[in-house]
Amino acid sequence: MISGLKASGTATMVLEKEDASGLSPKILELRKKIQNKEYLDNAIQRIAQVISNHLIENPGELKLRD
């Protein structure tokens, strides 16, 4: 369960531990991976690269909001 608390204009998220029994091995594997800062940094870089490539290939899709 994810809980949020607003304090001083910032949001704090707390992940409460849940019983891992009954969860798929894939979910358990991903939970372990997201605890690794290097894994998260690499994942963010990959996402940014895919978005950048998409915008370069399709510049018409980049529209500024009024």
N, C-alpha and C. Protein backbone atom coordinates (compact mmCIF):
# COMPACT_ATOMS: atom_id res chain seq x y z
N MET A 1 0.84 -1.16 0.00
CA MET A 1 0.00 0.00 0.00
C MET A 1 0.89 1.23 0.00
N ILE A 2 0.50 2.27 -0.75
CA ILE A 2 1.27 3.50 -0.81
C ILE A 2 0.50 4.58 -0.08
N SER A 3 1.15 5.25 0.84
CA SER A 3 0.53 6.33 1.57
C SER A 3 1.22 7.63 1.22
N GLY A 4 0.48 8.70 1.15
CA GLY A 4 1.08 10.00 0.84
C GLY A 4 0.77 10.99 1.95
N LEU A 5 1.69 11.89 2.21
CA LEU A 5 1.51 12.91 3.23
C LEU A 5 2.07 14.19 2.68
N LYS A 6 1.28 15.25 2.71
CA LYS A 6 1.75 16.53 2.20
C LYS A 6 2.28 17.35 3.36
N ALA A 7 3.50 17.80 3.24
CA ALA A 7 4.10 18.62 4.28
C ALA A 7 4.98 19.66 3.61
N SER A 8 4.75 20.91 3.88
CA SER A 8 5.56 22.00 3.35
C SER A 8 5.63 21.99 1.83
N GLY A 9 4.55 21.66 1.16
CA GLY A 9 4.53 21.69 -0.30
C GLY A 9 5.21 20.50 -0.95
N THR A 10 5.65 19.54 -0.19
CA THR A 10 6.27 18.35 -0.78
C THR A 10 5.45 17.14 -0.40
N ALA A 11 5.55 16.11 -1.19
CA ALA A 11 4.82 14.87 -0.91
C ALA A 11 5.80 13.81 -0.43
N THR A 12 5.41 13.11 0.58
CA THR A 12 6.22 12.02 1.11
C THR A 12 5.46 10.73 0.86
N MET A 13 6.14 9.74 0.28
CA MET A 13 5.49 8.45 0.04
C MET A 13 6.11 7.40 0.93
N VAL A 14 5.27 6.57 1.48
CA VAL A 14 5.72 5.49 2.32
C VAL A 14 5.18 4.19 1.74
N LEU A 15 6.06 3.27 1.45
CA LEU A 15 5.64 1.96 0.96
C LEU A 15 5.54 1.03 2.16
N GLU A 16 4.35 0.54 2.41
CA GLU A 16 4.16 -0.37 3.52
C GLU A 16 4.46 -1.78 3.06
N LYS A 17 5.09 -2.56 3.93
CA LYS A 17 5.41 -3.94 3.58
C LYS A 17 4.13 -4.76 3.53
N GLU A 18 4.06 -5.57 2.51
CA GLU A 18 2.93 -6.48 2.36
C GLU A 18 3.45 -7.90 2.41
N ASP A 19 2.57 -8.81 2.69
CA ASP A 19 2.93 -10.22 2.68
C ASP A 19 3.28 -10.62 1.25
N ALA A 20 4.48 -11.11 1.04
CA ALA A 20 4.96 -11.45 -0.30
C ALA A 20 4.39 -12.77 -0.80
N SER A 21 3.76 -13.53 0.07
CA SER A 21 3.20 -14.80 -0.39
C SER A 21 2.04 -14.52 -1.34
N GLY A 22 1.98 -15.27 -2.39
CA GLY A 22 0.91 -15.08 -3.36
C GLY A 22 1.28 -14.14 -4.49
N LEU A 23 2.41 -13.46 -4.38
CA LEU A 23 2.85 -12.58 -5.46
C LEU A 23 3.67 -13.38 -6.46
N SER A 24 3.57 -12.97 -7.72
CA SER A 24 4.30 -13.69 -8.75
C SER A 24 5.81 -13.48 -8.59
N PRO A 25 6.61 -14.43 -9.05
CA PRO A 25 8.06 -14.28 -8.98
C PRO A 25 8.54 -13.03 -9.72
N LYS A 26 7.86 -12.66 -10.81
CA LYS A 26 8.24 -11.47 -11.57
C LYS A 26 8.08 -10.21 -10.72
N ILE A 27 6.97 -10.12 -9.99
CA ILE A 27 6.74 -8.96 -9.11
C ILE A 27 7.81 -8.91 -8.03
N LEU A 28 8.12 -10.03 -7.44
CA LEU A 28 9.14 -10.08 -6.40
C LEU A 28 10.51 -9.67 -6.95
N GLU A 29 10.81 -10.12 -8.18
CA GLU A 29 12.07 -9.76 -8.83
C GLU A 29 12.14 -8.25 -9.08
N LEU A 30 11.04 -7.67 -9.58
CA LEU A 30 11.02 -6.23 -9.85
C LEU A 30 11.12 -5.42 -8.56
N ARG A 31 10.47 -5.87 -7.50
CA ARG A 31 10.59 -5.18 -6.21
C ARG A 31 12.04 -5.11 -5.76
N LYS A 32 12.75 -6.21 -5.95
CA LYS A 32 14.16 -6.25 -5.56
C LYS A 32 14.99 -5.31 -6.42
N LYS A 33 14.71 -5.30 -7.73
CA LYS A 33 15.47 -4.45 -8.66
C LYS A 33 15.31 -2.97 -8.37
N ILE A 34 14.09 -2.53 -8.04
CA ILE A 34 13.87 -1.10 -7.85
C ILE A 34 14.50 -0.56 -6.58
N GLN A 35 15.02 -1.44 -5.76
CA GLN A 35 15.76 -1.00 -4.57
C GLN A 35 17.20 -0.63 -4.93
N ASN A 36 17.63 -0.96 -6.14
CA ASN A 36 18.99 -0.73 -6.60
C ASN A 36 19.06 0.60 -7.34
N LYS A 37 19.80 1.58 -6.80
CA LYS A 37 19.89 2.92 -7.39
C LYS A 37 20.43 2.87 -8.82
N GLU A 38 21.44 2.04 -9.07
CA GLU A 38 22.02 1.94 -10.40
C GLU A 38 20.98 1.41 -11.40
N TYR A 39 20.20 0.44 -11.00
CA TYR A 39 19.15 -0.10 -11.88
C TYR A 39 18.15 1.00 -12.23
N LEU A 40 17.71 1.77 -11.22
CA LEU A 40 16.76 2.84 -11.48
C LEU A 40 17.35 3.91 -12.39
N ASP A 41 18.60 4.29 -12.15
CA ASP A 41 19.26 5.29 -13.00
C ASP A 41 19.31 4.81 -14.45
N ASN A 42 19.68 3.55 -14.66
CA ASN A 42 19.74 3.00 -16.01
C ASN A 42 18.36 2.94 -16.66
N ALA A 43 17.36 2.58 -15.88
CA ALA A 43 15.99 2.50 -16.41
C ALA A 43 15.51 3.89 -16.84
N ILE A 44 15.80 4.89 -16.04
CA ILE A 44 15.40 6.27 -16.38
C ILE A 44 16.12 6.72 -17.65
N GLN A 45 17.41 6.39 -17.76
CA GLN A 45 18.17 6.74 -18.97
C GLN A 45 17.57 6.08 -20.21
N ARG A 46 17.20 4.80 -20.09
CA ARG A 46 16.60 4.09 -21.23
C ARG A 46 15.27 4.72 -21.64
N ILE A 47 14.45 5.08 -20.66
CA ILE A 47 13.17 5.72 -20.95
C ILE A 47 13.39 7.05 -21.65
N ALA A 48 14.33 7.85 -21.13
CA ALA A 48 14.63 9.15 -21.74
C ALA A 48 15.13 8.98 -23.17
N GLN A 49 15.94 7.96 -23.42
CA GLN A 49 16.47 7.72 -24.77
C GLN A 49 15.36 7.34 -25.74
N VAL A 50 14.45 6.49 -25.30
CA VAL A 50 13.33 6.08 -26.17
C VAL A 50 12.45 7.30 -26.49
N ILE A 51 12.16 8.12 -25.49
CA ILE A 51 11.34 9.30 -25.72
C ILE A 51 12.05 10.27 -26.66
N SER A 52 13.34 10.49 -26.44
CA SER A 52 14.12 11.38 -27.31
C SER A 52 14.12 10.89 -28.74
N ASN A 53 14.35 9.60 -28.92
CA ASN A 53 14.35 9.02 -30.28
C ASN A 53 12.99 9.20 -30.95
N HIS A 54 11.94 8.98 -30.18
CA HIS A 54 10.59 9.10 -30.72
C HIS A 54 10.33 10.54 -31.16
N LEU A 55 10.75 11.52 -30.35
CA LEU A 55 10.52 12.92 -30.69
C LEU A 55 11.35 13.36 -31.89
N ILE A 56 12.55 12.81 -32.03
CA ILE A 56 13.38 13.13 -33.19
C ILE A 56 12.76 12.57 -34.47
N GLU A 57 12.23 11.36 -34.38
CA GLU A 57 11.62 10.72 -35.54
C GLU A 57 10.25 11.32 -35.88
N ASN A 58 9.57 11.88 -34.90
CA ASN A 58 8.22 12.42 -35.09
C ASN A 58 8.12 13.82 -34.46
N PRO A 59 8.83 14.81 -35.00
CA PRO A 59 8.85 16.14 -34.37
C PRO A 59 7.48 16.82 -34.35
N GLY A 60 6.58 16.43 -35.23
CA GLY A 60 5.25 17.02 -35.25
C GLY A 60 4.45 16.70 -34.00
N GLU A 61 4.83 15.67 -33.29
CA GLU A 61 4.11 15.29 -32.08
C GLU A 61 4.48 16.14 -30.88
N LEU A 62 5.57 16.91 -31.02
CA LEU A 62 5.99 17.78 -29.92
C LEU A 62 5.24 19.10 -30.05
N LYS A 63 4.22 19.25 -29.27
CA LYS A 63 3.40 20.46 -29.32
C LYS A 63 3.40 21.11 -27.94
N LEU A 64 3.57 22.40 -27.92
CA LEU A 64 3.52 23.14 -26.66
C LEU A 64 2.07 23.49 -26.36
N ARG A 65 1.72 23.41 -25.10
CA ARG A 65 0.35 23.76 -24.70
C ARG A 65 0.24 25.27 -24.56
N ASP A 66 -0.93 25.78 -24.91
CA ASP A 66 -1.18 27.22 -24.75
C ASP A 66 -1.53 27.55 -23.33
